[in-house]
Amino acid sequence: MLLGVKRVYEKRGLTDGKRILVDRLWPRGVKKGTQNLDLWMKDVAPSNELRKWFSHDPEKWEEFKNRYEHELEGNKKFDELLAMIRKTDVTLVYSAKDTEHNNAVALAGFLKQADD
């Protein structure tokens, strides 16, 4: 199993596997039905309240991860995503400009933890 993370604006790579958009909002400038995405799982994205609170502020990163992980507890879509990454290569796709402090990076970490 290979789990990757990429911005939605990056081209599909040979090792991407299934590309899953994990943002609550559809990314600007990306047409729906694009061949660049295989699935949109907005139900594993942070809530609107958490997303707005975080506002991609690196100083809030650790607290954001804690709150986001709490939101994912008991989330059936998270469990579906975990089952999916155990079967096939997956790339979590996001639209944020910050490549280090975003929900896809946090989600990848939670998935890796849960898979251990």
N, C-alpha and C. Protein backbone atom coordinates (compact mmCIF):
# COMPACT_ATOMS: atom_id res chain seq x y z
N MET A 1 0.83 -1.17 0.00
CA MET A 1 0.00 0.00 0.00
C MET A 1 0.88 1.24 0.00
N LEU A 2 0.58 2.14 -0.90
CA LEU A 2 1.27 3.42 -0.99
C LEU A 2 0.25 4.51 -0.72
N LEU A 3 0.57 5.40 0.22
CA LEU A 3 -0.31 6.51 0.55
C LEU A 3 0.43 7.81 0.28
N GLY A 4 -0.08 8.59 -0.67
CA GLY A 4 0.55 9.85 -1.02
C GLY A 4 -0.37 11.03 -0.75
N VAL A 5 0.21 12.23 -0.86
CA VAL A 5 -0.53 13.47 -0.66
C VAL A 5 -0.07 14.44 -1.75
N LYS A 6 -1.03 15.05 -2.47
CA LYS A 6 -0.70 16.00 -3.53
C LYS A 6 -1.74 17.10 -3.61
N ARG A 7 -1.30 18.24 -4.14
CA ARG A 7 -2.26 19.31 -4.44
C ARG A 7 -3.08 18.90 -5.65
N VAL A 8 -4.32 19.31 -5.68
CA VAL A 8 -5.22 18.96 -6.77
C VAL A 8 -4.73 19.51 -8.11
N TYR A 9 -3.92 20.54 -8.07
CA TYR A 9 -3.45 21.19 -9.29
C TYR A 9 -2.24 20.48 -9.90
N GLU A 10 -1.69 19.50 -9.19
CA GLU A 10 -0.57 18.71 -9.71
C GLU A 10 -1.11 17.61 -10.63
N LYS A 11 -0.33 17.29 -11.65
CA LYS A 11 -0.74 16.25 -12.59
C LYS A 11 -0.71 14.88 -11.93
N ARG A 12 -1.55 14.01 -12.44
CA ARG A 12 -1.58 12.62 -11.97
C ARG A 12 -0.23 11.98 -12.28
N GLY A 13 0.31 11.28 -11.30
CA GLY A 13 1.56 10.55 -11.47
C GLY A 13 1.31 9.07 -11.66
N LEU A 14 2.31 8.37 -12.15
CA LEU A 14 2.17 6.93 -12.39
C LEU A 14 1.92 6.14 -11.12
N THR A 15 2.40 6.64 -9.99
CA THR A 15 2.25 5.90 -8.72
C THR A 15 1.12 6.43 -7.86
N ASP A 16 0.29 7.33 -8.39
CA ASP A 16 -0.78 7.93 -7.59
C ASP A 16 -1.84 6.94 -7.13
N GLY A 17 -2.11 5.95 -7.92
CA GLY A 17 -3.22 5.06 -7.58
C GLY A 17 -4.53 5.82 -7.65
N LYS A 18 -5.42 5.53 -6.73
CA LYS A 18 -6.73 6.20 -6.68
C LYS A 18 -6.53 7.59 -6.07
N ARG A 19 -6.94 8.62 -6.80
CA ARG A 19 -6.81 10.00 -6.33
C ARG A 19 -8.13 10.43 -5.68
N ILE A 20 -8.05 10.78 -4.39
CA ILE A 20 -9.25 11.10 -3.62
C ILE A 20 -9.15 12.52 -3.07
N LEU A 21 -10.08 13.36 -3.48
CA LEU A 21 -10.17 14.72 -2.95
C LEU A 21 -10.73 14.64 -1.53
N VAL A 22 -10.00 15.24 -0.57
CA VAL A 22 -10.41 15.15 0.83
C VAL A 22 -10.70 16.53 1.42
N ASP A 23 -11.12 17.46 0.59
CA ASP A 23 -11.52 18.81 1.02
C ASP A 23 -13.04 18.88 1.13
N ARG A 24 -13.54 19.70 2.02
CA ARG A 24 -14.98 19.88 2.17
C ARG A 24 -15.56 20.69 1.01
N LEU A 25 -14.77 21.64 0.50
CA LEU A 25 -15.21 22.49 -0.61
C LEU A 25 -14.52 22.07 -1.90
N TRP A 26 -15.25 22.19 -3.01
CA TRP A 26 -14.65 21.87 -4.31
C TRP A 26 -13.60 22.93 -4.63
N PRO A 27 -12.43 22.52 -5.13
CA PRO A 27 -11.35 23.48 -5.39
C PRO A 27 -11.64 24.44 -6.54
N ARG A 28 -11.19 25.65 -6.37
CA ARG A 28 -11.36 26.68 -7.41
C ARG A 28 -10.60 26.29 -8.67
N GLY A 29 -11.24 26.54 -9.81
CA GLY A 29 -10.58 26.32 -11.08
C GLY A 29 -10.52 24.88 -11.54
N VAL A 30 -11.13 23.97 -10.80
CA VAL A 30 -11.13 22.55 -11.18
C VAL A 30 -12.55 22.17 -11.59
N LYS A 31 -12.68 21.68 -12.81
CA LYS A 31 -14.00 21.28 -13.30
C LYS A 31 -14.44 19.99 -12.63
N LYS A 32 -15.71 19.94 -12.26
CA LYS A 32 -16.25 18.70 -11.71
C LYS A 32 -16.26 17.66 -12.82
N GLY A 33 -16.02 16.41 -12.46
CA GLY A 33 -15.96 15.36 -13.45
C GLY A 33 -14.58 15.26 -14.11
N THR A 34 -13.60 15.95 -13.52
CA THR A 34 -12.26 15.92 -14.08
C THR A 34 -11.66 14.52 -14.01
N GLN A 35 -10.83 14.21 -14.96
CA GLN A 35 -10.15 12.92 -14.98
C GLN A 35 -9.02 12.86 -13.96
N ASN A 36 -8.73 14.00 -13.36
CA ASN A 36 -7.64 14.09 -12.41
C ASN A 36 -8.01 13.53 -11.03
N LEU A 37 -9.32 13.28 -10.79
CA LEU A 37 -9.80 12.79 -9.51
C LEU A 37 -10.66 11.55 -9.71
N ASP A 38 -10.56 10.62 -8.78
CA ASP A 38 -11.37 9.41 -8.85
C ASP A 38 -12.56 9.45 -7.90
N LEU A 39 -12.42 10.21 -6.81
CA LEU A 39 -13.44 10.20 -5.77
C LEU A 39 -13.33 11.48 -4.95
N TRP A 40 -14.47 11.96 -4.46
CA TRP A 40 -14.49 13.11 -3.56
C TRP A 40 -15.08 12.63 -2.25
N MET A 41 -14.29 12.63 -1.20
CA MET A 41 -14.73 12.20 0.13
C MET A 41 -14.76 13.40 1.07
N LYS A 42 -15.73 14.29 0.86
CA LYS A 42 -15.79 15.49 1.68
C LYS A 42 -16.17 15.19 3.12
N ASP A 43 -16.73 14.00 3.37
CA ASP A 43 -17.13 13.65 4.74
C ASP A 43 -15.95 13.28 5.64
N VAL A 44 -14.74 13.17 5.08
CA VAL A 44 -13.56 12.96 5.92
C VAL A 44 -12.79 14.27 6.12
N ALA A 45 -13.27 15.33 5.52
CA ALA A 45 -12.64 16.65 5.67
C ALA A 45 -13.05 17.25 7.01
N PRO A 46 -12.27 18.19 7.51
CA PRO A 46 -12.66 18.88 8.75
C PRO A 46 -13.99 19.61 8.59
N SER A 47 -14.71 19.73 9.68
CA SER A 47 -15.97 20.47 9.65
C SER A 47 -15.72 21.91 9.21
N ASN A 48 -16.76 22.56 8.75
CA ASN A 48 -16.64 23.97 8.36
C ASN A 48 -16.13 24.82 9.52
N GLU A 49 -16.61 24.53 10.72
CA GLU A 49 -16.20 25.30 11.89
C GLU A 49 -14.71 25.14 12.14
N LEU A 50 -14.22 23.90 12.09
CA LEU A 50 -12.80 23.64 12.34
C LEU A 50 -11.95 24.23 11.22
N ARG A 51 -12.40 24.08 10.01
CA ARG A 51 -11.67 24.61 8.85
C ARG A 51 -11.51 26.12 8.97
N LYS A 52 -12.58 26.80 9.32
CA LYS A 52 -12.53 28.26 9.46
C LYS A 52 -11.67 28.68 10.66
N TRP A 53 -11.78 27.94 11.76
CA TRP A 53 -10.97 28.25 12.93
C TRP A 53 -9.48 28.13 12.61
N PHE A 54 -9.11 27.06 11.94
CA PHE A 54 -7.70 26.80 11.63
C PHE A 54 -7.15 27.85 10.66
N SER A 55 -7.85 28.11 9.60
CA SER A 55 -7.48 29.12 8.62
C SER A 55 -6.03 28.99 8.15
N HIS A 56 -5.53 27.77 8.13
CA HIS A 56 -4.16 27.44 7.67
C HIS A 56 -3.09 28.23 8.42
N ASP A 57 -3.34 28.45 9.72
CA ASP A 57 -2.38 29.14 10.57
C ASP A 57 -1.43 28.09 11.17
N PRO A 58 -0.16 28.09 10.77
CA PRO A 58 0.79 27.08 11.27
C PRO A 58 0.90 27.06 12.80
N GLU A 59 0.63 28.17 13.46
CA GLU A 59 0.70 28.19 14.92
C GLU A 59 -0.43 27.38 15.55
N LYS A 60 -1.50 27.13 14.81
CA LYS A 60 -2.63 26.35 15.31
C LYS A 60 -2.56 24.89 14.87
N TRP A 61 -1.48 24.49 14.21
CA TRP A 61 -1.37 23.18 13.58
C TRP A 61 -1.58 22.03 14.55
N GLU A 62 -0.89 22.02 15.67
CA GLU A 62 -1.00 20.90 16.61
C GLU A 62 -2.42 20.79 17.18
N GLU A 63 -3.00 21.92 17.54
CA GLU A 63 -4.38 21.91 18.05
C GLU A 63 -5.36 21.51 16.96
N PHE A 64 -5.12 21.96 15.74
CA PHE A 64 -5.96 21.56 14.61
C PHE A 64 -5.95 20.05 14.45
N LYS A 65 -4.78 19.45 14.48
CA LYS A 65 -4.69 17.99 14.33
C LYS A 65 -5.45 17.27 15.43
N ASN A 66 -5.33 17.76 16.67
CA ASN A 66 -6.06 17.13 17.78
C ASN A 66 -7.57 17.22 17.58
N ARG A 67 -8.04 18.40 17.20
CA ARG A 67 -9.48 18.59 17.00
C ARG A 67 -9.98 17.77 15.80
N TYR A 68 -9.19 17.74 14.75
CA TYR A 68 -9.57 17.00 13.54
C TYR A 68 -9.63 15.50 13.83
N GLU A 69 -8.64 14.99 14.56
CA GLU A 69 -8.64 13.57 14.91
C GLU A 69 -9.88 13.24 15.74
N HIS A 70 -10.25 14.13 16.65
CA HIS A 70 -11.44 13.93 17.47
C HIS A 70 -12.70 13.87 16.58
N GLU A 71 -12.76 14.74 15.56
CA GLU A 71 -13.90 14.73 14.64
C GLU A 71 -13.99 13.42 13.86
N LEU A 72 -12.85 12.81 13.59
CA LEU A 72 -12.85 11.58 12.78
C LEU A 72 -13.22 10.33 13.57
N GLU A 73 -13.20 10.42 14.90
CA GLU A 73 -13.55 9.26 15.73
C GLU A 73 -14.97 8.82 15.41
N GLY A 74 -15.13 7.57 15.02
CA GLY A 74 -16.44 7.03 14.70
C GLY A 74 -16.97 7.44 13.34
N ASN A 75 -16.17 8.09 12.53
CA ASN A 75 -16.59 8.51 11.19
C ASN A 75 -16.53 7.31 10.25
N LYS A 76 -17.67 6.90 9.73
CA LYS A 76 -17.73 5.72 8.86
C LYS A 76 -16.95 5.93 7.56
N LYS A 77 -16.91 7.15 7.06
CA LYS A 77 -16.17 7.43 5.83
C LYS A 77 -14.66 7.29 6.06
N PHE A 78 -14.20 7.65 7.27
CA PHE A 78 -12.79 7.44 7.61
C PHE A 78 -12.48 5.95 7.58
N ASP A 79 -13.39 5.15 8.14
CA ASP A 79 -13.19 3.70 8.15
C ASP A 79 -13.18 3.14 6.73
N GLU A 80 -14.04 3.68 5.84
CA GLU A 80 -14.05 3.27 4.44
C GLU A 80 -12.72 3.61 3.76
N LEU A 81 -12.23 4.80 4.05
CA LEU A 81 -10.96 5.23 3.47
C LEU A 81 -9.81 4.36 3.97
N LEU A 82 -9.82 4.03 5.23
CA LEU A 82 -8.80 3.15 5.80
C LEU A 82 -8.82 1.79 5.12
N ALA A 83 -10.01 1.25 4.92
CA ALA A 83 -10.13 -0.04 4.23
C ALA A 83 -9.61 0.06 2.79
N MET A 84 -9.87 1.19 2.16
CA MET A 84 -9.43 1.39 0.78
C MET A 84 -7.91 1.42 0.68
N ILE A 85 -7.24 2.13 1.61
CA ILE A 85 -5.78 2.22 1.51
C ILE A 85 -5.12 0.90 1.84
N ARG A 86 -5.82 0.02 2.51
CA ARG A 86 -5.27 -1.30 2.79
C ARG A 86 -5.31 -2.20 1.56
N LYS A 87 -6.12 -1.82 0.57
CA LYS A 87 -6.29 -2.64 -0.64
C LYS A 87 -5.54 -2.10 -1.85
N THR A 88 -5.37 -0.79 -1.92
CA THR A 88 -4.83 -0.19 -3.14
C THR A 88 -4.02 1.07 -2.82
N ASP A 89 -3.22 1.50 -3.76
CA ASP A 89 -2.49 2.75 -3.62
C ASP A 89 -3.46 3.92 -3.71
N VAL A 90 -3.27 4.91 -2.84
CA VAL A 90 -4.16 6.06 -2.77
C VAL A 90 -3.33 7.34 -2.64
N THR A 91 -3.78 8.38 -3.32
CA THR A 91 -3.21 9.71 -3.13
C THR A 91 -4.32 10.61 -2.63
N LEU A 92 -4.11 11.20 -1.45
CA LEU A 92 -5.05 12.16 -0.89
C LEU A 92 -4.78 13.50 -1.57
N VAL A 93 -5.82 14.11 -2.10
CA VAL A 93 -5.69 15.32 -2.88
C VAL A 93 -6.36 16.47 -2.14
N TYR A 94 -5.69 17.63 -2.13
CA TYR A 94 -6.19 18.81 -1.42
C TYR A 94 -5.91 20.05 -2.26
N SER A 95 -6.49 21.19 -1.88
CA SER A 95 -6.30 22.40 -2.67
C SER A 95 -5.52 23.50 -1.94
N ALA A 96 -5.24 23.35 -0.67
CA ALA A 96 -4.56 24.40 0.10
C ALA A 96 -3.19 24.73 -0.49
N LYS A 97 -2.79 25.98 -0.33
CA LYS A 97 -1.46 26.40 -0.80
C LYS A 97 -0.35 25.87 0.09
N ASP A 98 -0.62 25.78 1.38
CA ASP A 98 0.38 25.31 2.34
C ASP A 98 0.51 23.79 2.21
N THR A 99 1.68 23.33 1.81
CA THR A 99 1.88 21.90 1.57
C THR A 99 2.23 21.12 2.82
N GLU A 100 2.46 21.81 3.93
CA GLU A 100 2.84 21.13 5.18
C GLU A 100 1.74 21.14 6.23
N HIS A 101 0.90 22.16 6.20
CA HIS A 101 -0.13 22.33 7.23
C HIS A 101 -1.50 22.35 6.57
N ASN A 102 -2.02 21.17 6.26
CA ASN A 102 -3.34 21.08 5.65
C ASN A 102 -4.01 19.77 6.08
N ASN A 103 -5.30 19.68 5.83
CA ASN A 103 -6.05 18.53 6.31
C ASN A 103 -5.60 17.21 5.68
N ALA A 104 -5.13 17.22 4.44
CA ALA A 104 -4.70 15.98 3.79
C ALA A 104 -3.45 15.41 4.46
N VAL A 105 -2.53 16.28 4.84
CA VAL A 105 -1.32 15.84 5.55
C VAL A 105 -1.71 15.25 6.90
N ALA A 106 -2.59 15.93 7.61
CA ALA A 106 -3.05 15.42 8.91
C ALA A 106 -3.78 14.09 8.73
N LEU A 107 -4.66 14.02 7.74
CA LEU A 107 -5.42 12.79 7.49
C LEU A 107 -4.51 11.63 7.14
N ALA A 108 -3.49 11.86 6.33
CA ALA A 108 -2.53 10.81 5.99
C ALA A 108 -1.86 10.27 7.26
N GLY A 109 -1.53 11.17 8.17
CA GLY A 109 -0.92 10.75 9.43
C GLY A 109 -1.87 9.89 10.26
N PHE A 110 -3.13 10.28 10.32
CA PHE A 110 -4.12 9.50 11.08
C PHE A 110 -4.31 8.11 10.45
N LEU A 111 -4.35 8.06 9.13
CA LEU A 111 -4.52 6.78 8.43
C LEU A 111 -3.33 5.85 8.68
N LYS A 112 -2.13 6.41 8.64
CA LYS A 112 -0.94 5.59 8.90
C LYS A 112 -0.94 5.07 10.32
N GLN A 113 -1.34 5.91 11.28
CA GLN A 113 -1.44 5.48 12.67
C GLN A 113 -2.45 4.35 12.82
N ALA A 114 -3.60 4.52 12.21
CA ALA A 114 -4.68 3.53 12.33
C ALA A 114 -4.32 2.22 11.65
N ASP A 115 -3.43 2.28 10.66
CA ASP A 115 -3.06 1.08 9.91
C ASP A 115 -1.98 0.28 10.62
N ASP A 116 -1.33 0.87 11.61
CA ASP A 116 -0.26 0.15 12.35
C ASP A 116 -0.82 -0.89 13.29
